[in-house]
Protein backbone atom coordinates (compact mmCIF):
# COMPACT_ATOMS: atom_id res chain seq x y z
CA MET A 1 0.00 0.00 0.00
CA LEU A 2 1.57 3.27 -1.13
CA THR A 3 1.53 6.57 0.74
CA ARG A 4 -0.92 8.17 -1.66
CA ASN A 5 -3.28 5.21 -1.33
CA ILE A 6 -3.29 5.53 2.45
CA ASP A 7 -3.99 9.26 2.22
CA GLN A 8 -6.88 8.54 -0.14
CA GLU A 9 -8.17 5.95 2.31
CA LEU A 10 -7.94 8.43 5.19
CA ASP A 11 -9.74 11.12 3.16
CA GLN A 12 -12.50 8.64 2.36
CA ALA A 13 -12.75 7.61 6.02
CA LEU A 14 -13.34 11.25 6.96
CA THR A 15 -16.01 11.87 4.32
CA ALA A 16 -17.84 8.55 4.05
CA GLY A 17 -17.38 6.63 7.28
CA PRO A 18 -17.88 6.86 11.03
CA ALA A 19 -14.32 8.12 11.50
CA GLY A 20 -15.57 11.44 10.13
CA THR A 21 -17.78 11.88 13.20
CA ILE A 22 -14.86 11.51 15.61
CA THR A 23 -13.08 14.59 16.91
CA ILE A 24 -9.33 14.23 16.48
CA PRO A 25 -7.72 15.98 19.47
CA PRO A 26 -5.57 18.92 18.34
CA CYS A 27 -1.83 18.67 18.61
CA PRO A 28 -0.71 20.43 21.83
CA ASP A 29 0.79 23.88 21.22
CA LEU A 30 4.04 22.97 22.95
CA LEU A 31 4.38 19.88 20.77
CA THR A 32 3.75 21.94 17.65
CA ARG A 33 6.52 24.31 18.74
CA LEU A 34 8.84 21.41 19.50
CA GLN A 35 8.19 19.79 16.12
CA SER A 36 8.91 23.08 14.37
CA VAL A 37 12.26 23.45 16.14
CA MET A 38 13.28 19.83 15.55
CA ARG A 39 12.56 20.10 11.80
CA GLU A 40 15.29 22.71 11.47
CA ALA A 41 18.65 21.60 10.11
CA ASP A 42 20.31 22.72 13.35
CA PRO A 43 17.72 22.67 16.16
CA ASP A 44 18.20 25.40 18.72
CA TRP A 45 19.23 23.89 22.06
CA ASP A 46 18.04 26.89 24.06
CA VAL A 47 14.58 26.84 22.48
CA VAL A 48 14.11 23.13 23.25
CA CYS A 49 15.34 23.75 26.79
CA SER A 50 12.84 26.60 27.12
CA ILE A 51 10.00 24.34 25.95
CA ALA A 52 11.05 21.59 28.37
CA SER A 53 11.24 24.06 31.25
CA SER A 54 7.93 25.76 30.51
CA ASP A 55 5.93 23.12 32.38
CA VAL A 56 7.01 21.98 35.84
CA ALA A 57 5.59 18.48 35.48
CA MET A 58 7.17 18.02 32.05
CA ALA A 59 10.56 19.22 33.31
CA ALA A 60 10.33 16.82 36.26
CA SER A 61 9.44 13.99 33.89
CA LEU A 62 12.51 14.70 31.76
CA VAL A 63 14.82 14.78 34.80
CA ARG A 64 13.29 11.54 36.09
CA ALA A 65 13.88 9.87 32.72
CA ALA A 66 17.52 10.98 32.72
CA ASN A 67 17.93 9.44 36.17
CA SER A 68 16.45 6.11 35.10
CA PRO A 69 18.52 2.90 34.99
CA VAL A 70 18.73 3.24 31.21
CA TYR A 71 21.60 5.70 31.58
CA ALA A 72 23.26 4.26 34.70
CA ARG A 73 24.49 7.67 35.84
CA ARG A 74 26.48 7.70 39.10
CA SER A 75 25.51 11.21 40.19
CA PRO A 76 21.86 12.22 39.82
CA VAL A 77 20.68 14.79 37.28
CA SER A 78 18.95 17.74 38.92
CA SER A 79 18.08 20.18 36.10
CA VAL A 80 16.56 20.22 32.63
CA ASN A 81 19.83 21.38 31.09
CA GLN A 82 21.73 18.52 32.73
CA ALA A 83 19.10 16.06 31.57
CA MET A 84 19.33 17.36 28.01
CA SER A 85 23.12 17.15 28.08
CA LEU A 86 22.88 13.50 29.04
CA LEU A 87 20.04 12.58 26.70
CA GLY A 88 20.86 14.67 23.63
CA LEU A 89 18.38 16.69 21.59
CA LYS A 90 16.71 13.80 19.76
CA ALA A 91 16.06 11.73 22.88
CA THR A 92 14.91 14.86 24.72
CA SER A 93 12.46 15.64 21.93
CA THR A 94 11.19 12.07 21.98
CA LEU A 95 10.54 12.13 25.73
CA LEU A 96 8.86 15.54 25.58
CA THR A 97 6.65 14.24 22.78
CA GLN A 98 5.69 11.30 24.98
CA PHE A 99 4.81 13.51 27.95
CA LEU A 100 2.72 15.93 25.86
CA THR A 101 0.90 13.11 24.05
CA VAL A 102 -0.10 11.34 27.25
CA ARG A 103 -1.39 14.62 28.68
CA ALA A 104 -3.33 15.48 25.50
CA LEU A 105 -5.03 12.09 25.31
CA PRO A 106 -6.12 11.11 28.82
CA VAL A 107 -7.62 7.64 29.17
CA ASN A 108 -10.45 7.30 31.68
CA HIS A 109 -11.85 3.83 31.11
CA PRO A 110 -11.42 0.61 33.12
CA ALA A 111 -10.46 -1.36 30.00
CA LEU A 112 -7.53 0.98 29.35
CA GLN A 113 -6.36 1.56 32.90
CA ASN A 114 -2.72 0.86 32.01
CA PHE A 115 -2.84 1.95 28.37
CA TRP A 116 -0.16 4.64 28.53
CA GLN A 117 2.07 2.60 30.80
CA GLY A 118 2.00 -0.21 28.27
CA SER A 119 2.52 2.19 25.38
CA SER A 120 5.45 3.83 27.17
CA ARG A 121 7.02 0.43 27.82
CA ARG A 122 6.57 -0.52 24.17
CA ALA A 123 8.15 2.79 23.15
CA LEU A 124 11.14 2.22 25.41
CA VAL A 125 11.66 -1.28 24.00
CA MET A 126 11.25 -0.02 20.43
CA GLY A 127 14.03 2.50 20.98
CA TYR A 128 16.24 -0.23 22.41
CA VAL A 129 15.53 -2.65 19.55
CA ALA A 130 16.27 0.07 17.00
CA ARG A 131 19.67 0.64 18.58
CA GLN A 132 20.47 -3.04 17.96
CA LEU A 133 19.53 -2.79 14.30
CA TYR A 134 21.09 -1.01 11.35
CA GLY A 135 19.38 1.99 9.81
CA THR A 136 16.37 2.33 12.14
CA PRO A 137 16.39 5.68 14.00
CA PRO A 138 15.76 5.02 17.71
CA ASP A 139 13.78 8.24 18.17
CA LEU A 140 11.45 7.31 15.30
CA ALA A 141 11.04 3.77 16.66
CA HIS A 142 10.33 5.09 20.17
CA THR A 143 7.66 7.48 18.90
CA PHE A 144 6.04 4.73 16.81
CA GLY A 145 5.91 2.51 19.89
CA LEU A 146 4.07 5.26 21.74
CA PHE A 147 1.62 6.14 18.96
CA CYS A 148 1.07 2.64 17.61
CA ASP A 149 -2.37 2.17 19.23
CA VAL A 150 -3.28 5.83 19.75
CA GLY A 151 -6.49 5.29 17.78
CA ILE A 152 -7.92 3.16 20.60
CA PRO A 153 -8.40 5.93 23.21
CA VAL A 154 -9.61 8.31 20.50
CA LEU A 155 -12.24 5.79 19.40
CA LEU A 156 -13.20 5.12 23.01
CA GLN A 157 -13.86 8.81 23.59
CA GLY A 158 -15.56 9.50 20.27
CA LEU A 159 -17.54 6.45 19.17
CA ARG A 160 -20.59 5.16 21.01
CA GLY A 161 -20.41 1.47 21.87
CA TYR A 162 -16.67 1.20 21.31
CA GLY A 163 -16.09 0.14 24.93
CA GLY A 164 -18.01 -3.07 24.25
CA THR A 165 -16.17 -3.57 20.98
CA LEU A 166 -12.85 -3.17 22.78
CA ALA A 167 -13.74 -5.90 25.27
CA GLU A 168 -14.94 -8.16 22.46
CA ALA A 169 -11.84 -7.56 20.34
CA GLN A 170 -9.55 -8.38 23.25
CA ALA A 171 -11.41 -11.63 23.97
CA ARG A 172 -12.02 -13.05 20.50
CA ARG A 173 -9.62 -15.54 18.95
CA ASP A 174 -11.51 -16.31 15.75
CA ARG A 175 -10.73 -12.99 14.06
CA SER A 176 -8.30 -10.12 14.37
CA PHE A 177 -8.66 -7.10 16.66
CA THR A 178 -9.20 -4.79 13.70
CA GLY A 179 -11.62 -7.31 12.16
CA THR A 180 -13.87 -6.95 15.19
CA GLU A 181 -13.59 -3.15 15.04
CA GLN A 182 -14.50 -3.12 11.36
CA ALA A 183 -17.41 -5.52 11.85
CA ASN A 184 -18.91 -3.35 14.58
CA HIS A 185 -18.03 0.18 13.42
CA ARG A 186 -16.76 0.14 9.82
CA THR A 187 -13.48 1.66 10.98
CA ASP A 188 -10.59 0.64 13.24
CA HIS A 189 -7.85 2.04 15.45
CA THR A 190 -5.18 1.87 12.71
CA ILE A 191 -7.19 4.25 10.52
CA VAL A 192 -8.00 6.62 13.37
CA GLY A 193 -4.41 6.44 14.64
CA ALA A 194 -3.14 7.36 11.18
CA LEU A 195 -5.58 10.29 11.13
CA VAL A 196 -4.09 11.48 14.44
CA ALA A 197 -0.58 11.14 13.01
CA ARG A 198 -1.54 13.17 9.95
CA ALA A 199 -3.34 15.85 11.95
CA TRP A 200 -0.37 16.16 14.31
CA ARG A 201 2.09 16.27 11.40
CA LEU A 202 4.10 13.32 12.65
CA PRO A 203 6.78 12.00 10.27
CA GLU A 204 5.37 10.21 7.24
CA PRO A 205 6.86 6.80 8.14
CA LEU A 206 4.97 6.91 11.45
CA LYS A 207 1.64 7.53 9.74
CA LEU A 208 2.27 4.59 7.40
CA ALA A 209 3.46 2.28 10.18
CA ILE A 210 0.48 3.13 12.41
CA ARG A 211 -1.95 2.39 9.58
CA LEU A 212 -0.22 -0.85 8.56
CA HIS A 213 0.86 -2.40 11.84
CA HIS A 214 -1.86 -5.08 11.78
CA GLU A 215 -1.58 -5.80 8.04
CA VAL A 216 0.05 -9.23 7.79
CA GLU A 217 1.06 -8.84 4.14
CA ALA A 218 2.75 -5.47 4.74
CA LEU A 219 5.94 -7.11 5.99
CA THR A 220 6.69 -8.57 2.56
CA ASP A 221 5.20 -5.79 0.42
CA THR A 222 8.15 -4.30 -1.51
CA GLN A 223 6.12 -1.19 -2.35
CA ILE A 224 6.43 -0.21 1.32
CA ASP A 225 9.63 1.53 2.40
CA PRO A 226 12.04 -0.92 4.06
CA GLY A 227 12.34 1.38 7.09
CA VAL A 228 8.59 1.21 7.63
CA ARG A 229 8.64 -2.58 7.31
CA ASN A 230 11.41 -2.70 9.92
CA LEU A 231 9.16 -0.74 12.29
CA LEU A 232 6.29 -3.15 11.62
CA ALA A 233 8.46 -6.13 12.49
CA ALA A 234 10.11 -4.45 15.48
CA VAL A 235 6.80 -3.57 17.14
CA VAL A 236 5.78 -7.24 17.21
CA VAL A 237 9.10 -8.07 18.87
CA ALA A 238 8.69 -5.16 21.30
CA ASP A 239 5.19 -6.25 22.34
CA HIS A 240 6.54 -9.75 22.95
CA LEU A 241 9.31 -8.40 25.20
CA VAL A 242 6.88 -6.21 27.14
CA ALA A 243 4.57 -9.21 27.63
CA GLN A 244 7.53 -11.25 28.88
CA HIS A 245 8.46 -8.48 31.33
CA GLU A 246 4.89 -8.20 32.63
CA GLY A 247 4.40 -11.97 32.87
CA GLN A 248 1.54 -11.83 30.38
CA PRO A 249 0.74 -14.30 27.59
CA ASP A 250 1.75 -13.31 24.08
CA GLY A 251 -0.89 -11.87 21.80
CA GLN A 252 -2.00 -13.15 18.41
CA GLU A 253 0.56 -11.03 16.57
CA TRP A 254 3.53 -12.83 18.12
CA GLN A 255 1.93 -16.26 17.82
CA GLN A 256 1.13 -15.73 14.16
CA ARG A 257 4.04 -13.57 12.98
CA GLY A 258 6.78 -13.70 15.60
CA ASP A 259 9.08 -16.00 13.62
CA ALA A 260 8.60 -13.99 10.41
CA CYS A 261 9.38 -10.73 12.22
CA LEU A 262 12.55 -12.15 13.79
CA ALA A 263 13.65 -13.45 10.39
CA HIS A 264 12.92 -10.09 8.76
CA LEU A 265 15.07 -8.28 11.32
CA GLN A 266 17.69 -11.06 11.36
CA ILE A 267 17.32 -11.52 15.12
CA ARG A 268 17.83 -14.85 16.86
CA GLU A 269 15.28 -15.74 19.53
CA ASP A 270 18.05 -16.39 22.07
CA GLU A 271 19.10 -12.74 21.68
CA LEU A 272 15.73 -11.68 23.09
CA THR A 273 16.58 -13.19 26.47
CA LEU A 274 19.70 -11.03 26.70
CA TRP A 275 17.78 -7.97 25.56
CA LEU A 276 15.11 -8.51 28.18
CA ASP A 277 17.76 -8.78 30.89
CA ASP A 278 19.08 -5.38 29.77
CA LEU A 279 15.60 -3.88 29.57
CA ASN A 280 14.02 -5.13 32.79
CA PRO A 281 15.43 -2.41 35.11
CA ALA A 282 14.28 0.37 32.79
CA LEU A 283 10.88 -1.23 32.24
CA HIS A 284 10.35 -1.42 36.00
CA HIS A 285 10.98 2.33 36.06
CA VAL A 286 8.14 3.14 33.63
CA ARG A 287 5.11 4.54 35.43
């Protein structure tokens, strides 16, 4: 599926389907400013620092992330500037994006009680997996891990009856999650998530990966950019590692496509055990 085809599909979803009745939350102003700065050839450190410092809770979140076991720093970080010096601009931008996204899309539903915790864990693992691979930017992978299922809370807030559909989709084993969504509502969280990505002007590969992450044939579709296909494979691996960390059973994606995703990324299954040992301390730190 090519980029233009996905954009046509999204346009049609807005004009001829139930997705058009859903309000896509606007991109937070601070995130819009951050995106603008980070698109520059030489992003201004002071401007990013100013954005990070403009909200006390966001600044505290950044400092807490810099003090996490991921970075194994002997002396604690105590300021935004110190945190940025340790993390670098790209990682700082990624973490600020995460904070602002979670705030902009609150989830108040029993079925999604730990939605953002799980998404944040997936994002952390995606960044780690990308660092083990060649040619996959860790910041892009991290952001995809966070936004992968963003359509679910948007649907829950904007579509009547979706709470029941969510419970049904999580329980059924005879058809896919998106198959249940489509059967009940004629849309699904990959379409709505891609609409969010487009409205928020996220990088094009993220929009494509969000829309395609449940499409089984996408992994071998040579019309799709190899970087996007790497993200599609890596997210299945990441969800598997998060499930292992949490002591949860693997989902359908890993059972059906785990071997294919490992082969695509040229990862041996025994490597995953070592990766999980590295990741466990940081995953415990995710709130």
